[in-house]
Structures are given as C-alpha cells and as structure tokens.
Amino acid sequence: MTEIHQLTATGPALRALDLLAALGDAAGVRANMVTSADGHATIRGRVGDLTGEADQALLTALRGWCDVLLVGSGTIRAEGYGPLDLPTEIAEWRTLKGRVARPVLAIVSGSLDLDPSLPAFARAADAGPESLPWVITVPGADQERRTRLAPYARLLEVEAGPDGRPSLPAAVAALRQAGMTRVLSEGGPTVLGTLLGGGVVDELFLTVSPLLVGGGGLRIVETGTLSGMSGGTASGGSASGATPGEPVPLKLMDVHVAGSELFLRYAVGASAAASASSSGLA
C-alpha cells in the first residue's frame, strides 16, 4: 500500500531569490500556471484574482530563471502584460551569471492583431534592439500589421501549424537557435495545450489557489483537434500544433506551501518518464 505522508508548512520561508536558487539554472522549457481548487484557470476571464503574494514570488523567480517569456496574444491583452521588470536582487543575480538583467517577452500571434499601444510595447521607443519584445508569427502574415508593429517588436516567422497559426514547437526551436535556451510559458491554457501536444515542456509549476469558483470555464490546459483550436480569448489563442490526444504523464518533483496556497512542481512527459526510470519508479 502506498504510504501517505503529512505535508507541513514548518520549513524555512523562501523569498524569490531563494526560490530562484532552488530552481537551478539548467536550460529547458517550463510552464507556470495557477488553478482554483476546483480546476478553474481564470476568474471572470483573468488569472489575477487566483494569485496571492507567494504565487507572485514564484512567478518572479521563474521569470528570473528564463531567457524568454512565451505568452499567447490573448493572455497579453487580458492580463495587461507590461515590460518584464525584476527586483534588483534578481537582476543582479542574472548579471553575475553573465545574462541580461531581465528576460524578453515573446508574444504568439499568427494574425499580428496587436495594438502597439499595449503595455507590452510601452518601452519599445527607448529599448535597444536586444530588449524589444518578440512577436512570433507565420510567413505571409498581414503586411500592414507587420509594418505597424516593426518599430515596437522583433518579428520571428515560424512554420504554420495545420490551422495556419504559429507552430509552438517550431517557435521554441527558433528561440533556442537565437540563444534563448531557458523558455518559460505563462499560458494561456491553449498555448500550454499546444506546447504539451508538441512534447516540448520539461517542467510544469502549478499553484493551487484556495478558492472554489464553480460553473464552467477554462482549465489550465485547453486542447483541440489537430486541425484547429479556439482562439481570441484570455486563454491566449493564436497558437497552433498538435495538442495532447492522450493523458500526459507527470512526476512530482517538489511541493511547497504558503498559508493555504499549494505549489507543485512536476516533470512532464518524457522528462517525467526519464525521472521515474532513474529513480526506479518506472
């Protein structure tokens, strides 16, 4: 019979910098999501009401780890993403590692229907070329929109998936080729579903918020058929590619608690299988 152990919150308190050190600095693809206790990924279309102070510390640590933050255009609009500022101690940690002080933002948008006045582009006029957000799109995207966005972002073309939207496995490969080997996704759920379907996620960080939401709504993974997925919502549509047709295996790596918030870290898919095999649990 499997033993059940009691989880207590009596360990040392961890600041964002402590969490960053605990994460390790290895390259890979990580996803960071939050869910209510009954499985909802948003409240009234936004993630913000699900998060707490401790969850924000973990978010800061993961952003400190990554080279690039990959987010769907729907999430950019719904959550009001701005420039990716980090606390001074995190920026200094990155500098000591020989990295730039803050990660760059990569927005997935096959249609390029992005307003340059969005907060994500707020500092584009003052930023050097290396600090501009990336916009990941497909060949043949609307030329007028491409011209409008050119002063505010670096456009990265990747192959299209079956529905004409950017292939996220191809996007991850292109970002790595550009030297950004630590990729963090904050969603939305459609983006995560597509990344999982492409088999490119190494770790999932999942915060369970102590709330019951009820009703219908998005889960942290929204999947569709190979030929198309819904988009244009806070789920961060505008992503394409295979989505999971079968359950994706996870292996629990770490558990942390803060008050009533629960933080779970999983190895995903092939990474979970390799971890289980090495520990004799396969």
Protein backbone atom coordinates (compact mmCIF):
# COMPACT_ATOMS: atom_id res chain seq x y z
CA MET A 1 0.00 0.00 0.00
CA THR A 2 1.27 3.47 -0.90
CA GLU A 3 2.10 5.49 2.19
CA ILE A 4 0.50 8.91 2.63
CA HIS A 5 2.69 11.48 4.35
CA GLN A 6 1.55 14.63 6.09
CA LEU A 7 2.63 17.88 4.46
CA THR A 8 3.52 20.64 6.90
CA ALA A 9 4.46 24.30 6.44
CA THR A 10 7.18 24.35 9.10
CA GLY A 11 10.16 24.65 6.76
CA PRO A 12 12.12 27.87 6.19
CA ALA A 13 10.41 30.77 4.45
CA LEU A 14 11.63 31.26 0.89
CA ARG A 15 11.99 34.61 -0.85
CA ALA A 16 12.01 34.95 -4.63
CA LEU A 17 15.81 34.84 -4.66
CA ASP A 18 15.77 31.64 -2.56
CA LEU A 19 13.27 30.11 -4.95
CA LEU A 20 15.40 31.14 -7.92
CA ALA A 21 18.41 29.37 -6.45
CA ALA A 22 16.31 26.26 -5.78
CA LEU A 23 15.09 26.15 -9.37
CA GLY A 24 18.55 25.51 -10.80
CA ASP A 25 19.88 27.22 -13.91
CA ALA A 26 19.62 24.42 -16.49
CA ALA A 27 18.16 25.10 -19.93
CA GLY A 28 14.71 23.82 -20.77
CA VAL A 29 11.05 24.69 -21.21
CA ARG A 30 8.97 25.36 -18.13
CA ALA A 31 5.30 26.26 -17.78
CA ASN A 32 3.86 28.20 -14.85
CA MET A 33 0.11 28.07 -14.25
CA VAL A 34 -2.38 28.65 -11.44
CA THR A 35 -5.69 26.90 -10.82
CA SER A 36 -8.52 27.15 -8.33
CA ALA A 37 -9.14 24.15 -6.07
CA ASP A 38 -11.95 23.09 -8.41
CA GLY A 39 -9.81 23.39 -11.54
CA HIS A 40 -10.51 26.83 -12.97
CA ALA A 41 -7.69 28.75 -14.68
CA THR A 42 -9.39 32.16 -14.52
CA ILE A 43 -11.99 34.15 -12.63
CA ARG A 44 -14.11 36.39 -14.84
CA GLY A 45 -11.65 35.82 -17.68
CA ARG A 46 -8.50 36.79 -15.75
CA VAL A 47 -5.85 34.97 -13.76
CA GLY A 48 -5.09 37.82 -11.37
CA ASP A 49 -7.80 37.01 -8.80
CA LEU A 50 -6.39 33.48 -8.38
CA THR A 51 -2.90 34.58 -7.39
CA GLY A 52 -1.52 35.52 -3.99
CA GLU A 53 1.66 37.07 -2.67
CA ALA A 54 3.51 33.74 -2.52
CA ASP A 55 2.46 32.85 -6.05
CA GLN A 56 3.85 36.16 -7.24
CA ALA A 57 7.19 35.31 -5.57
CA LEU A 58 7.33 32.06 -7.53
CA LEU A 59 6.38 33.90 -10.72
CA THR A 60 9.22 36.37 -10.10
CA ALA A 61 11.70 33.54 -9.51
CA LEU A 62 10.71 31.74 -12.71
CA ARG A 63 10.96 34.96 -14.70
CA GLY A 64 14.38 35.43 -13.16
CA TRP A 65 15.36 31.98 -14.43
CA CYS A 66 14.14 32.36 -18.02
CA ASP A 67 15.70 33.98 -21.06
CA VAL A 68 12.34 34.46 -22.76
CA LEU A 69 8.73 34.50 -21.56
CA LEU A 70 6.41 32.94 -24.15
CA VAL A 71 2.79 34.10 -23.93
CA GLY A 72 -0.26 33.98 -26.18
CA SER A 73 -1.64 37.23 -27.53
CA GLY A 74 -4.99 36.71 -25.77
CA THR A 75 -3.25 36.49 -22.41
CA ILE A 76 -1.21 39.60 -23.20
CA ARG A 77 -4.42 41.54 -23.74
CA ALA A 78 -6.43 40.05 -20.86
CA GLU A 79 -3.72 40.36 -18.21
CA GLY A 80 -2.20 43.67 -19.34
CA TYR A 81 1.40 42.43 -19.54
CA GLY A 82 3.97 45.21 -19.43
CA PRO A 83 7.79 45.26 -19.54
CA LEU A 84 9.32 42.40 -17.58
CA ASP A 85 10.89 44.26 -14.67
CA LEU A 86 12.54 42.22 -11.93
CA PRO A 87 13.59 43.10 -8.36
CA THR A 88 17.11 44.49 -8.11
CA GLU A 89 18.47 41.37 -6.37
CA ILE A 90 17.13 39.13 -9.15
CA ALA A 91 18.54 41.39 -11.87
CA GLU A 92 21.92 41.40 -10.11
CA TRP A 93 21.84 37.58 -9.85
CA ARG A 94 21.28 37.38 -13.60
CA THR A 95 24.10 39.83 -14.29
CA LEU A 96 26.50 37.78 -12.17
CA LYS A 97 25.55 34.78 -14.29
CA GLY A 98 26.56 36.71 -17.41
CA ARG A 99 22.98 37.20 -18.56
CA VAL A 100 20.97 40.33 -19.37
CA ALA A 101 19.21 41.92 -16.42
CA ARG A 102 15.73 40.86 -17.48
CA PRO A 103 14.16 38.34 -19.87
CA VAL A 104 12.48 39.29 -23.11
CA LEU A 105 8.82 38.80 -23.93
CA ALA A 106 7.72 36.63 -26.88
CA ILE A 107 4.10 37.04 -27.97
CA VAL A 108 2.45 34.38 -30.16
CA SER A 109 0.24 35.98 -32.81
CA GLY A 110 -0.41 34.47 -36.21
CA SER A 111 -2.71 37.35 -37.18
CA LEU A 112 -0.45 40.14 -35.83
CA ASP A 113 -3.61 41.76 -34.45
CA LEU A 114 -1.67 43.57 -31.73
CA ASP A 115 -2.04 47.23 -30.84
CA PRO A 116 1.39 48.93 -30.46
CA SER A 117 -0.11 50.93 -27.56
CA LEU A 118 -0.39 47.77 -25.43
CA PRO A 119 1.68 47.94 -22.21
CA ALA A 120 3.88 45.11 -23.52
CA PHE A 121 5.33 47.56 -26.05
CA ALA A 122 5.46 50.53 -23.66
CA ARG A 123 9.24 50.99 -23.66
CA ALA A 124 9.90 49.98 -27.24
CA ALA A 125 10.86 53.52 -28.27
CA ASP A 126 13.61 53.63 -25.62
CA ALA A 127 14.73 49.99 -25.84
CA GLY A 128 17.71 48.76 -27.76
CA PRO A 129 17.13 46.10 -30.41
CA GLU A 130 18.02 43.31 -27.96
CA SER A 131 15.37 44.46 -25.48
CA LEU A 132 12.42 44.66 -27.85
CA PRO A 133 9.65 42.08 -27.40
CA TRP A 134 9.48 39.28 -29.96
CA VAL A 135 6.29 38.62 -31.87
CA ILE A 136 6.09 35.08 -33.22
CA THR A 137 4.06 34.84 -36.39
CA VAL A 138 3.88 32.95 -39.67
CA PRO A 139 5.14 33.68 -43.20
CA GLY A 140 2.61 35.73 -45.12
CA ALA A 141 1.12 37.46 -42.07
CA ASP A 142 -0.72 40.70 -42.82
CA GLN A 143 1.83 43.16 -44.26
CA GLU A 144 0.11 46.30 -42.97
CA ARG A 145 0.09 44.94 -39.41
CA ARG A 146 3.68 43.80 -39.83
CA THR A 147 4.73 47.33 -40.80
CA ARG A 148 2.79 48.84 -37.90
CA LEU A 149 4.48 46.56 -35.34
CA ALA A 150 8.01 46.74 -36.79
CA PRO A 151 9.20 49.70 -34.64
CA TYR A 152 7.94 48.03 -31.46
CA ALA A 153 8.96 44.38 -31.79
CA ARG A 154 11.21 41.85 -33.46
CA LEU A 155 9.13 39.65 -35.73
CA LEU A 156 10.03 35.97 -35.79
CA GLU A 157 8.48 33.84 -38.51
CA VAL A 158 7.98 30.13 -37.91
CA GLU A 159 6.18 27.50 -39.89
CA ALA A 160 2.43 27.35 -39.57
CA GLY A 161 0.51 24.53 -37.98
CA PRO A 162 -2.48 22.83 -39.64
CA ASP A 163 -4.77 25.80 -38.93
CA GLY A 164 -2.31 28.43 -40.17
CA ARG A 165 -1.21 29.64 -36.73
CA PRO A 166 2.39 29.52 -35.48
CA SER A 167 3.78 26.10 -34.60
CA LEU A 168 4.91 26.40 -30.99
CA PRO A 169 7.47 23.56 -31.16
CA ALA A 170 8.97 25.43 -34.12
CA ALA A 171 8.86 28.67 -32.12
CA VAL A 172 10.72 27.07 -29.19
CA ALA A 173 13.34 25.71 -31.59
CA ALA A 174 13.77 29.16 -33.20
CA LEU A 175 14.13 30.87 -29.82
CA ARG A 176 16.77 28.36 -28.81
CA GLN A 177 18.61 28.95 -32.04
CA ALA A 178 18.58 32.67 -31.18
CA GLY A 179 20.36 31.82 -27.91
CA MET A 180 17.34 31.75 -25.58
CA THR A 181 17.62 28.28 -24.12
CA ARG A 182 15.51 28.86 -21.00
CA VAL A 183 11.91 29.24 -22.13
CA LEU A 184 9.04 29.97 -19.72
CA SER A 185 5.38 29.83 -20.69
CA GLU A 186 2.71 31.52 -18.60
CA GLY A 187 -0.05 30.45 -20.95
CA GLY A 188 -2.71 30.79 -21.56
CA PRO A 189 -4.24 27.31 -21.50
CA THR A 190 -4.34 26.99 -25.29
CA VAL A 191 -0.63 27.79 -25.51
CA LEU A 192 0.12 25.24 -22.79
CA GLY A 193 -2.00 22.62 -24.52
CA THR A 194 -0.15 23.16 -27.77
CA LEU A 195 3.27 23.03 -26.11
CA LEU A 196 2.29 19.79 -24.36
CA GLY A 197 0.99 18.37 -27.62
CA GLY A 198 4.33 19.16 -29.22
CA GLY A 199 6.18 17.35 -26.43
CA VAL A 200 8.45 20.30 -25.61
CA VAL A 201 7.54 21.04 -21.96
CA ASP A 202 10.08 19.77 -19.42
CA GLU A 203 8.51 21.03 -16.19
CA LEU A 204 5.13 22.30 -15.01
CA PHE A 205 4.81 24.60 -12.00
CA LEU A 206 1.22 24.58 -10.75
CA THR A 207 -0.16 26.77 -7.98
CA VAL A 208 -3.41 25.55 -6.40
CA SER A 209 -5.28 28.61 -5.16
CA PRO A 210 -7.52 28.17 -2.09
CA LEU A 211 -10.68 29.19 -3.93
CA LEU A 212 -13.75 27.44 -5.33
CA VAL A 213 -15.05 29.15 -8.46
CA GLY A 214 -17.85 26.91 -9.74
CA GLY A 215 -19.53 26.91 -13.11
CA GLY A 216 -17.88 26.35 -16.45
CA GLY A 217 -14.71 27.92 -17.72
CA LEU A 218 -11.14 27.36 -18.78
CA ARG A 219 -8.86 24.73 -17.28
CA ILE A 220 -5.08 25.13 -17.30
CA VAL A 221 -4.87 23.03 -20.48
CA GLU A 222 -7.23 23.69 -23.35
CA THR A 223 -6.92 21.16 -26.14
CA GLY A 224 -8.40 20.94 -29.58
CA THR A 225 -8.14 18.89 -32.70
CA LEU A 226 -5.02 18.74 -34.83
CA SER A 227 -6.74 20.89 -37.44
CA GLY A 228 -7.67 23.83 -35.28
CA MET A 229 -8.14 25.36 -31.85
CA SER A 230 -10.28 28.12 -30.45
CA GLY A 231 -8.55 31.46 -30.00
CA GLY A 232 -9.05 35.11 -29.24
CA THR A 233 -9.85 34.64 -25.54
CA ALA A 234 -7.98 35.12 -22.33
CA SER A 235 -6.75 31.58 -22.88
CA GLY A 236 -4.16 33.06 -25.18
CA GLY A 237 -5.21 31.68 -28.56
CA SER A 238 -3.11 32.30 -31.65
CA ALA A 239 -1.15 29.11 -31.13
CA SER A 240 -1.22 26.01 -33.24
CA GLY A 241 0.10 22.50 -33.50
CA ALA A 242 -0.69 19.12 -32.02
CA THR A 243 -2.47 19.08 -28.67
CA PRO A 244 -2.48 16.15 -26.26
CA GLY A 245 -4.60 13.28 -27.55
CA GLU A 246 -3.69 11.13 -24.57
CA PRO A 247 -3.06 11.98 -20.91
CA VAL A 248 0.40 13.45 -20.34
CA PRO A 249 2.33 11.77 -17.50
CA LEU A 250 3.70 13.91 -14.68
CA LYS A 251 6.16 13.13 -11.91
CA LEU A 252 6.02 15.20 -8.74
CA MET A 253 9.39 16.81 -8.01
CA ASP A 254 8.71 19.41 -5.28
CA VAL A 255 5.89 20.57 -3.01
CA HIS A 256 5.80 23.91 -1.19
CA VAL A 257 3.08 25.59 0.83
CA ALA A 258 2.43 29.17 1.90
CA GLY A 259 -0.63 29.68 4.06
CA SER A 260 -3.35 27.85 2.14
CA GLU A 261 -1.61 28.07 -1.24
CA LEU A 262 -0.11 24.85 -2.59
CA PHE A 263 2.79 24.84 -5.06
CA LEU A 264 3.51 21.74 -7.14
CA ARG A 265 6.46 21.16 -9.45
CA TYR A 266 6.22 18.33 -11.97
CA ALA A 267 8.49 16.77 -14.56
CA VAL A 268 6.41 16.43 -17.73
CA GLY A 269 6.05 13.72 -20.36
CA ALA A 270 9.37 12.30 -21.46
CA SER A 271 11.10 14.18 -18.63
CA ALA A 272 8.75 12.51 -16.14
CA ALA A 273 9.40 9.08 -17.63
CA ALA A 274 13.17 9.61 -17.51
CA SER A 275 12.95 10.84 -13.92
CA ALA A 276 10.84 7.84 -12.90
CA SER A 277 13.18 5.44 -14.64
CA SER A 278 16.27 6.88 -12.96
CA SER A 279 14.57 6.63 -9.55
CA GLY A 280 13.40 3.06 -10.12
CA LEU A 281 9.74 4.11 -10.24
CA ALA A 282 9.12 3.40 -13.93
